[in-house]
């Protein structure tokens, strides 16, 4: 009986070894890959920005002693170039549909955008020195763009508004260097803006952006009010002007 049992044992051993070898040759199934969460630009965000601005005030120098405007400058149309830094904050909301992103953003910026002009009257005996500064400005804009994963390219346009301050010094040239009047004025502007930008979402909650805006704040009267060297009211001078400027700025946003 030892012969048949021995043969059966050898057969079972060979079958087991063959099965093990076959199993070793089969491909091993890879573990399941966790799903990658799609990037979404939808949601509320807040942030800050800083940048640089340059532009000009463009208008007509006007002298009116109370009897009507008199031509005392040739030409009367002049410009005052300006530049300066800016910094501020923004808040907005985006909605993404497929690869398209639509949104609304509001921002406000403090600036020291400042320019100065020196103008002589036609006879050459009086000088006006005018210094203009944009104290702050804000915008409310729509945004529309295309998202490529965590990058967003967009265009933007909307309403712009701001406040300026201006100072004037009137000086006699003949006789030399006598300050005859000082005056100032504050003006509120409202206009429009348009531009474009790019944004990079480098984590789930944070993004960096770079943006260009052209801003046209429209015109204001700039009627200077002050006193003469005798202490009497000085209200004869004005510089009705348009204010336009360019901005480039970078910023960071936190997304909720």
C-alpha atoms as a PDB file:
ATOM      1  CA  UNK A   1       0.000   0.000   0.000  1.00  0.00           C
ATOM      2  CA  UNK A   2       2.970   2.308   0.425  1.00  0.00           C
ATOM      3  CA  UNK A   3       3.382   2.618  -3.325  1.00  0.00           C
ATOM      4  CA  UNK A   4      -0.054   4.177  -4.189  1.00  0.00           C
ATOM      5  CA  UNK A   5       0.016   6.598  -1.200  1.00  0.00           C
ATOM      6  CA  UNK A   6       3.526   7.713  -2.079  1.00  0.00           C
ATOM      7  CA  UNK A   7       2.489   8.366  -5.675  1.00  0.00           C
ATOM      8  CA  UNK A   8      -0.560  10.356  -4.472  1.00  0.00           C
ATOM      9  CA  UNK A   9       1.626  12.490  -2.165  1.00  0.00           C
ATOM     10  CA  UNK A  10       4.053  13.282  -4.962  1.00  0.00           C
ATOM     11  CA  UNK A  11       1.170  14.260  -7.257  1.00  0.00           C
ATOM     12  CA  UNK A  12      -0.350  16.653  -4.652  1.00  0.00           C
ATOM     13  CA  UNK A  13       3.084  18.236  -4.061  1.00  0.00           C
ATOM     14  CA  UNK A  14       3.659  18.791  -7.795  1.00  0.00           C
ATOM     15  CA  UNK A  15       0.180  20.306  -8.246  1.00  0.00           C
ATOM     16  CA  UNK A  16       0.724  22.686  -5.303  1.00  0.00           C
ATOM     17  CA  UNK A  17       4.079  23.853  -6.637  1.00  0.00           C
ATOM     18  CA  UNK A  18       2.642  24.428 -10.131  1.00  0.00           C
ATOM     19  CA  UNK A  19      -0.269  26.468  -8.706  1.00  0.00           C
ATOM     20  CA  UNK A  20       2.127  28.619  -6.668  1.00  0.00           C
ATOM     21  CA  UNK A  21       4.312  29.296  -9.715  1.00  0.00           C
ATOM     22  CA  UNK A  22       1.292  30.239 -11.828  1.00  0.00           C
ATOM     23  CA  UNK A  23       0.040  32.624  -9.126  1.00  0.00           C
ATOM     24  CA  UNK A  24       3.469  34.253  -8.939  1.00  0.00           C
ATOM     25  CA  UNK A  25       3.301  35.009 -12.677  1.00  0.00           C
ATOM     26  CA  UNK A  26      -0.101  36.775 -12.460  1.00  0.00           C
ATOM     27  CA  UNK A  27      -0.016  40.624 -12.414  1.00  0.00           C
ATOM     28  CA  UNK A  28      -0.519  42.249  -9.010  1.00  0.00           C
ATOM     29  CA  UNK A  29      -3.557  44.586  -8.901  1.00  0.00           C
ATOM     30  CA  UNK A  30      -2.543  48.162  -7.980  1.00  0.00           C
ATOM     31  CA  UNK A  31      -4.213  49.765  -4.977  1.00  0.00           C
ATOM     32  CA  UNK A  32      -6.988  52.242  -5.844  1.00  0.00           C
ATOM     33  CA  UNK A  33      -5.785  55.834  -6.546  1.00  0.00           C
ATOM     34  CA  UNK A  34      -7.572  58.430  -4.421  1.00  0.00           C
ATOM     35  CA  UNK A  35      -9.675  60.889  -6.424  1.00  0.00           C
ATOM     36  CA  UNK A  36      -8.078  64.301  -7.007  1.00  0.00           C
ATOM     37  CA  UNK A  37     -10.337  67.192  -6.030  1.00  0.00           C
ATOM     38  CA  UNK A  38     -10.980  69.518  -8.997  1.00  0.00           C
ATOM     39  CA  UNK A  39      -9.818  73.141  -8.656  1.00  0.00           C
ATOM     40  CA  UNK A  40     -12.757  75.499  -8.244  1.00  0.00           C
ATOM     41  CA  UNK A  41     -12.699  79.308  -8.357  1.00  0.00           C
ATOM     42  CA  UNK A  42     -16.233  79.630  -7.019  1.00  0.00           C
ATOM     43  CA  UNK A  43     -16.562  81.446  -3.700  1.00  0.00           C
ATOM     44  CA  UNK A  44     -15.995  84.568  -1.627  1.00  0.00           C
ATOM     45  CA  UNK A  45     -12.531  86.066  -1.140  1.00  0.00           C
ATOM     46  CA  UNK A  46     -10.786  89.008   0.549  1.00  0.00           C
ATOM     47  CA  UNK A  47      -7.266  90.306   0.118  1.00  0.00           C
ATOM     48  CA  UNK A  48      -4.780  93.120  -0.172  1.00  0.00           C
ATOM     49  CA  UNK A  49      -2.726  94.733  -2.925  1.00  0.00           C
ATOM     50  CA  UNK A  50       0.072  97.222  -3.611  1.00  0.00           C
ATOM     51  CA  UNK A  51       1.373  98.852  -6.759  1.00  0.00           C
ATOM     52  CA  UNK A  52       2.349 101.918  -8.748  1.00  0.00           C
ATOM     53  CA  UNK A  53       0.342 104.518 -10.677  1.00  0.00           C
ATOM     54  CA  UNK A  54       1.106 107.221 -13.219  1.00  0.00           C
ATOM     55  CA  UNK A  55      -1.133 109.666 -15.080  1.00  0.00           C
ATOM     56  CA  UNK A  56      -2.093 113.308 -15.594  1.00  0.00           C
ATOM     57  CA  UNK A  57      -4.533 116.126 -14.889  1.00  0.00           C
ATOM     58  CA  UNK A  58      -5.578 117.701 -18.176  1.00  0.00           C
ATOM     59  CA  UNK A  59      -7.531 120.974 -18.269  1.00  0.00           C
ATOM     60  CA  UNK A  60      -7.723 124.746 -18.754  1.00  0.00           C
ATOM     61  CA  UNK A  61      -6.256 127.429 -16.492  1.00  0.00           C
ATOM     62  CA  UNK A  62      -9.009 129.952 -15.785  1.00  0.00           C
ATOM     63  CA  UNK A  63      -8.837 133.430 -14.214  1.00  0.00           C
ATOM     64  CA  UNK A  64     -12.158 135.110 -13.383  1.00  0.00           C
ATOM     65  CA  UNK A  65     -12.110 138.266 -11.244  1.00  0.00           C
ATOM     66  CA  UNK A  66     -15.900 138.243 -11.098  1.00  0.00           C
ATOM     67  CA  UNK A  67     -16.599 139.867 -14.450  1.00  0.00           C
ATOM     68  CA  UNK A  68     -16.094 136.707 -16.493  1.00  0.00           C
ATOM     69  CA  UNK A  69     -13.117 134.547 -17.533  1.00  0.00           C
ATOM     70  CA  UNK A  70     -10.094 136.475 -18.841  1.00  0.00           C
ATOM     71  CA  UNK A  71      -7.444 135.019 -21.126  1.00  0.00           C
ATOM     72  CA  UNK A  72      -4.209 135.373 -19.191  1.00  0.00           C
ATOM     73  CA  UNK A  73      -2.469 132.132 -20.263  1.00  0.00           C
ATOM     74  CA  UNK A  74      -1.389 131.188 -23.764  1.00  0.00           C
ATOM     75  CA  UNK A  75      -2.205 128.395 -24.232  1.00  0.00           C
ATOM     76  CA  UNK A  76      -4.719 128.018 -21.445  1.00  0.00           C
ATOM     77  CA  UNK A  77      -4.909 124.228 -21.896  1.00  0.00           C
ATOM     78  CA  UNK A  78      -2.229 122.580 -19.758  1.00  0.00           C
ATOM     79  CA  UNK A  79      -1.372 119.204 -18.217  1.00  0.00           C
ATOM     80  CA  UNK A  80       0.147 118.191 -14.899  1.00  0.00           C
ATOM     81  CA  UNK A  81       1.890 114.804 -14.956  1.00  0.00           C
ATOM     82  CA  UNK A  82       1.774 112.719 -11.781  1.00  0.00           C
ATOM     83  CA  UNK A  83       2.968 109.411 -10.367  1.00  0.00           C
ATOM     84  CA  UNK A  84       3.075 107.597  -7.040  1.00  0.00           C
ATOM     85  CA  UNK A  85       2.500 104.414  -5.046  1.00  0.00           C
ATOM     86  CA  UNK A  86      -0.725 102.788  -3.905  1.00  0.00           C
ATOM     87  CA  UNK A  87      -1.885 100.138  -1.428  1.00  0.00           C
ATOM     88  CA  UNK A  88      -5.271  98.844  -0.350  1.00  0.00           C
ATOM     89  CA  UNK A  89      -7.664  95.935  -0.096  1.00  0.00           C
ATOM     90  CA  UNK A  90     -10.334  94.104  -2.082  1.00  0.00           C
ATOM     91  CA  UNK A  91     -13.333  91.822  -1.600  1.00  0.00           C
ATOM     92  CA  UNK A  92     -15.069  89.779  -4.267  1.00  0.00           C
ATOM     93  CA  UNK A  93     -17.002  86.702  -5.330  1.00  0.00           C
ATOM     94  CA  UNK A  94     -16.401  84.307  -8.239  1.00  0.00           C
ATOM     95  CA  UNK A  95     -18.660  81.760  -9.913  1.00  0.00           C
ATOM     96  CA  UNK A  96     -17.152  79.099 -12.172  1.00  0.00           C
ATOM     97  CA  UNK A  97     -19.087  77.406 -14.989  1.00  0.00           C
ATOM     98  CA  UNK A  98     -16.979  74.790 -16.756  1.00  0.00           C
ATOM     99  CA  UNK A  99     -13.756  76.676 -17.563  1.00  0.00           C
ATOM    100  CA  UNK A 100     -15.396  80.120 -17.476  1.00  0.00           C
ATOM    101  CA  UNK A 101     -15.214  82.287 -14.355  1.00  0.00           C
ATOM    102  CA  UNK A 102     -17.457  85.295 -13.673  1.00  0.00           C
ATOM    103  CA  UNK A 103     -17.219  87.575 -10.674  1.00  0.00           C
ATOM    104  CA  UNK A 104     -17.673  90.924  -8.989  1.00  0.00           C
ATOM    105  CA  UNK A 105     -14.925  92.763  -7.084  1.00  0.00           C
ATOM    106  CA  UNK A 106     -14.780  95.984  -5.051  1.00  0.00           C
ATOM    107  CA  UNK A 107     -11.545  97.599  -3.886  1.00  0.00           C
ATOM    108  CA  UNK A 108     -10.178 100.765  -2.292  1.00  0.00           C
ATOM    109  CA  UNK A 109      -6.630 102.141  -2.472  1.00  0.00           C
ATOM    110  CA  UNK A 110      -4.695 104.841  -0.662  1.00  0.00           C
ATOM    111  CA  UNK A 111      -2.321 106.652  -3.037  1.00  0.00           C
ATOM    112  CA  UNK A 112       0.288 109.392  -3.121  1.00  0.00           C
ATOM    113  CA  UNK A 113      -0.190 109.937  -6.865  1.00  0.00           C
ATOM    114  CA  UNK A 114       1.066 113.520  -7.040  1.00  0.00           C
ATOM    115  CA  UNK A 115       2.013 116.061  -9.705  1.00  0.00           C
ATOM    116  CA  UNK A 116       3.102 119.693  -9.835  1.00  0.00           C
ATOM    117  CA  UNK A 117       2.903 122.348 -12.542  1.00  0.00           C
ATOM    118  CA  UNK A 118       4.303 125.876 -12.813  1.00  0.00           C
ATOM    119  CA  UNK A 119       2.593 128.305 -15.232  1.00  0.00           C
ATOM    120  CA  UNK A 120       3.345 131.960 -16.111  1.00  0.00           C
ATOM    121  CA  UNK A 121       0.733 134.433 -17.303  1.00  0.00           C
ATOM    122  CA  UNK A 122       1.034 136.008 -20.768  1.00  0.00           C
ATOM    123  CA  UNK A 123       2.844 139.183 -19.605  1.00  0.00           C
ATOM    124  CA  UNK A 124       5.222 136.986 -17.632  1.00  0.00           C
ATOM    125  CA  UNK A 125       4.739 138.821 -14.354  1.00  0.00           C
ATOM    126  CA  UNK A 126       2.604 136.266 -12.422  1.00  0.00           C
ATOM    127  CA  UNK A 127       3.240 132.570 -11.771  1.00  0.00           C
ATOM    128  CA  UNK A 128       0.742 129.909 -10.717  1.00  0.00           C
ATOM    129  CA  UNK A 129       2.157 126.816  -9.041  1.00  0.00           C
ATOM    130  CA  UNK A 130      -0.423 124.023  -8.696  1.00  0.00           C
ATOM    131  CA  UNK A 131       0.134 120.705  -6.925  1.00  0.00           C
ATOM    132  CA  UNK A 132      -2.492 117.968  -7.345  1.00  0.00           C
ATOM    133  CA  UNK A 133      -2.731 114.720  -5.394  1.00  0.00           C
ATOM    134  CA  UNK A 134      -5.053 111.734  -5.607  1.00  0.00           C
ATOM    135  CA  UNK A 135      -5.654 110.849  -1.948  1.00  0.00           C
ATOM    136  CA  UNK A 136      -7.610 107.636  -2.536  1.00  0.00           C
ATOM    137  CA  UNK A 137      -9.704 105.854  -5.136  1.00  0.00           C
ATOM    138  CA  UNK A 138     -11.934 102.812  -5.377  1.00  0.00           C
ATOM    139  CA  UNK A 139     -13.544 100.638  -8.026  1.00  0.00           C
ATOM    140  CA  UNK A 140     -16.500  98.269  -8.357  1.00  0.00           C
ATOM    141  CA  UNK A 141     -15.874  95.957 -11.307  1.00  0.00           C
ATOM    142  CA  UNK A 142     -17.168  92.905 -13.063  1.00  0.00           C
ATOM    143  CA  UNK A 143     -14.658  90.179 -13.945  1.00  0.00           C
ATOM    144  CA  UNK A 144     -14.831  87.499 -16.647  1.00  0.00           C
ATOM    145  CA  UNK A 145     -12.141  85.025 -17.536  1.00  0.00           C
ATOM    146  CA  UNK A 146     -10.979  81.532 -18.388  1.00  0.00           C
ATOM    147  CA  UNK A 147      -9.538  79.115 -15.836  1.00  0.00           C
ATOM    148  CA  UNK A 148      -6.886  76.562 -16.711  1.00  0.00           C
ATOM    149  CA  UNK A 149      -6.681  74.409 -13.582  1.00  0.00           C
ATOM    150  CA  UNK A 150      -5.276  76.735 -10.913  1.00  0.00           C
ATOM    151  CA  UNK A 151      -4.535  79.640 -13.298  1.00  0.00           C
ATOM    152  CA  UNK A 152      -7.098  82.333 -14.173  1.00  0.00           C
ATOM    153  CA  UNK A 153      -6.807  84.919 -16.956  1.00  0.00           C
ATOM    154  CA  UNK A 154      -9.479  87.640 -16.861  1.00  0.00           C
ATOM    155  CA  UNK A 155     -10.676  90.995 -18.128  1.00  0.00           C
ATOM    156  CA  UNK A 156     -12.360  93.526 -15.867  1.00  0.00           C
ATOM    157  CA  UNK A 157     -14.339  96.796 -16.143  1.00  0.00           C
ATOM    158  CA  UNK A 158     -16.601  98.944 -14.013  1.00  0.00           C
ATOM    159  CA  UNK A 159     -17.088 102.205 -12.159  1.00  0.00           C
ATOM    160  CA  UNK A 160     -14.283 104.164 -10.449  1.00  0.00           C
ATOM    161  CA  UNK A 161     -14.390 106.991  -7.907  1.00  0.00           C
ATOM    162  CA  UNK A 162     -11.921 108.933  -5.791  1.00  0.00           C
ATOM    163  CA  UNK A 163     -10.986 112.097  -3.929  1.00  0.00           C
ATOM    164  CA  UNK A 164      -8.243 114.579  -4.779  1.00  0.00           C
ATOM    165  CA  UNK A 165      -6.680 117.600  -3.102  1.00  0.00           C
ATOM    166  CA  UNK A 166      -4.912 120.520  -4.765  1.00  0.00           C
ATOM    167  CA  UNK A 167      -2.922 123.533  -3.564  1.00  0.00           C
ATOM    168  CA  UNK A 168      -2.095 126.737  -5.404  1.00  0.00           C
ATOM    169  CA  UNK A 169       0.526 129.425  -4.786  1.00  0.00           C
ATOM    170  CA  UNK A 170       0.395 132.683  -6.761  1.00  0.00           C
ATOM    171  CA  UNK A 171       3.727 134.505  -6.966  1.00  0.00           C
ATOM    172  CA  UNK A 172       4.750 137.816  -8.499  1.00  0.00           C
ATOM    173  CA  UNK A 173       7.681 137.484 -10.886  1.00  0.00           C
ATOM    174  CA  UNK A 174       7.977 141.287 -11.295  1.00  0.00           C
ATOM    175  CA  UNK A 175       8.756 142.349  -8.630  1.00  0.00           C
ATOM    176  CA  UNK A 176      10.405 139.042  -7.847  1.00  0.00           C
ATOM    177  CA  UNK A 177       9.193 136.354  -5.534  1.00  0.00           C
ATOM    178  CA  UNK A 178       6.327 138.027  -3.669  1.00  0.00           C
ATOM    179  CA  UNK A 179       3.658 135.450  -2.763  1.00  0.00           C
ATOM    180  CA  UNK A 180       0.377 137.234  -3.441  1.00  0.00           C
ATOM    181  CA  UNK A 181      -2.118 134.424  -2.707  1.00  0.00           C
ATOM    182  CA  UNK A 182      -2.434 130.844  -1.451  1.00  0.00           C
ATOM    183  CA  UNK A 183      -5.474 128.620  -1.919  1.00  0.00           C
ATOM    184  CA  UNK A 184      -6.621 125.002  -2.010  1.00  0.00           C
ATOM    185  CA  UNK A 185      -9.513 122.747  -2.985  1.00  0.00           C
ATOM    186  CA  UNK A 186     -10.752 119.164  -2.496  1.00  0.00           C
ATOM    187  CA  UNK A 187     -12.679 117.410  -5.271  1.00  0.00           C
ATOM    188  CA  UNK A 188     -14.673 114.197  -5.637  1.00  0.00           C
ATOM    189  CA  UNK A 189     -14.386 112.319  -8.928  1.00  0.00           C
ATOM    190  CA  UNK A 190     -16.402 109.548 -10.531  1.00  0.00           C
ATOM    191  CA  UNK A 191     -15.644 107.760 -13.790  1.00  0.00           C
ATOM    192  CA  UNK A 192     -14.804 104.333 -15.176  1.00  0.00           C
ATOM    193  CA  UNK A 193     -12.017 101.756 -15.320  1.00  0.00           C
ATOM    194  CA  UNK A 194     -10.998  98.759 -17.414  1.00  0.00           C
ATOM    195  CA  UNK A 195      -8.103  96.344 -17.432  1.00  0.00           C
ATOM    196  CA  UNK A 196      -6.894  92.752 -17.284  1.00  0.00           C
ATOM    197  CA  UNK A 197      -5.099  90.403 -14.929  1.00  0.00           C
ATOM    198  CA  UNK A 198      -3.903  86.926 -14.048  1.00  0.00           C
ATOM    199  CA  UNK A 199      -4.341  84.938 -10.835  1.00  0.00           C
ATOM    200  CA  UNK A 200      -2.648  81.785  -9.534  1.00  0.00           C
ATOM    201  CA  UNK A 201      -4.297  79.625  -6.873  1.00  0.00           C
ATOM    202  CA  UNK A 202      -1.257  78.098  -5.180  1.00  0.00           C
ATOM    203  CA  UNK A 203      -3.237  76.377  -2.396  1.00  0.00           C
ATOM    204  CA  UNK A 204      -6.847  75.608  -1.588  1.00  0.00           C
ATOM    205  CA  UNK A 205      -7.394  78.957   0.186  1.00  0.00           C
ATOM    206  CA  UNK A 206      -4.700  81.302  -1.161  1.00  0.00           C
ATOM    207  CA  UNK A 207      -4.009  82.921  -4.512  1.00  0.00           C
ATOM    208  CA  UNK A 208      -1.676  85.559  -5.967  1.00  0.00           C
ATOM    209  CA  UNK A 209      -2.670  88.049  -8.673  1.00  0.00           C
ATOM    210  CA  UNK A 210      -1.149  90.674 -10.976  1.00  0.00           C
ATOM    211  CA  UNK A 211      -3.382  93.306 -12.559  1.00  0.00           C
ATOM    212  CA  UNK A 212      -3.354  96.363 -14.840  1.00  0.00           C
ATOM    213  CA  UNK A 213      -6.095  99.027 -14.747  1.00  0.00           C
ATOM    214  CA  UNK A 214      -6.695 102.174 -16.777  1.00  0.00           C
ATOM    215  CA  UNK A 215      -8.732 104.646 -14.718  1.00  0.00           C
ATOM    216  CA  UNK A 216     -10.598 107.718 -16.024  1.00  0.00           C
ATOM    217  CA  UNK A 217     -12.007 109.649 -13.063  1.00  0.00           C
ATOM    218  CA  UNK A 218     -13.674 112.312 -15.207  1.00  0.00           C
ATOM    219  CA  UNK A 219     -13.496 116.059 -14.645  1.00  0.00           C
ATOM    220  CA  UNK A 220     -13.827 118.417 -11.672  1.00  0.00           C
ATOM    221  CA  UNK A 221     -13.833 122.235 -11.345  1.00  0.00           C
ATOM    222  CA  UNK A 222     -10.833 122.801  -9.045  1.00  0.00           C
ATOM    223  CA  UNK A 223     -11.959 126.302  -8.051  1.00  0.00           C
ATOM    224  CA  UNK A 224      -9.288 127.408  -5.600  1.00  0.00           C
ATOM    225  CA  UNK A 225     -10.349 129.178  -2.400  1.00  0.00           C
ATOM    226  CA  UNK A 226      -7.880 130.962  -0.146  1.00  0.00           C
ATOM    227  CA  UNK A 227      -6.563 134.395   0.828  1.00  0.00           C
ATOM    228  CA  UNK A 228      -4.367 137.071  -0.706  1.00  0.00           C
ATOM    229  CA  UNK A 229      -1.315 138.505   1.045  1.00  0.00           C
ATOM    230  CA  UNK A 230      -3.635 141.293   2.256  1.00  0.00           C
ATOM    231  CA  UNK A 231      -5.920 138.732   3.893  1.00  0.00           C
ATOM    232  CA  UNK A 232      -8.795 139.216   1.455  1.00  0.00           C
ATOM    233  CA  UNK A 233     -10.597 136.240  -0.140  1.00  0.00           C
ATOM    234  CA  UNK A 234      -8.895 134.694  -3.182  1.00  0.00           C
ATOM    235  CA  UNK A 235     -11.468 132.964  -5.417  1.00  0.00           C
ATOM    236  CA  UNK A 236     -10.475 134.009  -8.925  1.00  0.00           C
ATOM    237  CA  UNK A 237      -8.468 130.975 -10.111  1.00  0.00           C
ATOM    238  CA  UNK A 238      -9.558 127.531 -11.290  1.00  0.00           C
ATOM    239  CA  UNK A 239      -8.218 124.574 -13.252  1.00  0.00           C
ATOM    240  CA  UNK A 240     -11.154 122.482 -14.567  1.00  0.00           C
ATOM    241  CA  UNK A 241      -9.406 119.230 -15.390  1.00  0.00           C
ATOM    242  CA  UNK A 242      -9.805 115.553 -16.212  1.00  0.00           C
ATOM    243  CA  UNK A 243      -7.856 113.010 -14.183  1.00  0.00           C
ATOM    244  CA  UNK A 244      -6.678 109.815 -15.896  1.00  0.00           C
ATOM    245  CA  UNK A 245      -4.053 107.316 -14.795  1.00  0.00           C
ATOM    246  CA  UNK A 246      -2.679 103.796 -15.167  1.00  0.00           C
ATOM    247  CA  UNK A 247      -2.043 101.318 -12.358  1.00  0.00           C
ATOM    248  CA  UNK A 248      -0.081  98.094 -12.085  1.00  0.00           C
ATOM    249  CA  UNK A 249      -0.502  96.145  -8.876  1.00  0.00           C
ATOM    250  CA  UNK A 250       0.056  92.762  -7.290  1.00  0.00           C
ATOM    251  CA  UNK A 251      -2.066  91.227  -4.584  1.00  0.00           C
ATOM    252  CA  UNK A 252      -2.938  88.205  -2.473  1.00  0.00           C
ATOM    253  CA  UNK A 253      -6.405  86.766  -1.822  1.00  0.00           C
ATOM    254  CA  UNK A 254      -7.745  84.439   0.864  1.00  0.00           C
ATOM    255  CA  UNK A 255     -10.611  82.217  -0.349  1.00  0.00           C
ATOM    256  CA  UNK A 256     -13.322  80.972   2.000  1.00  0.00           C
END
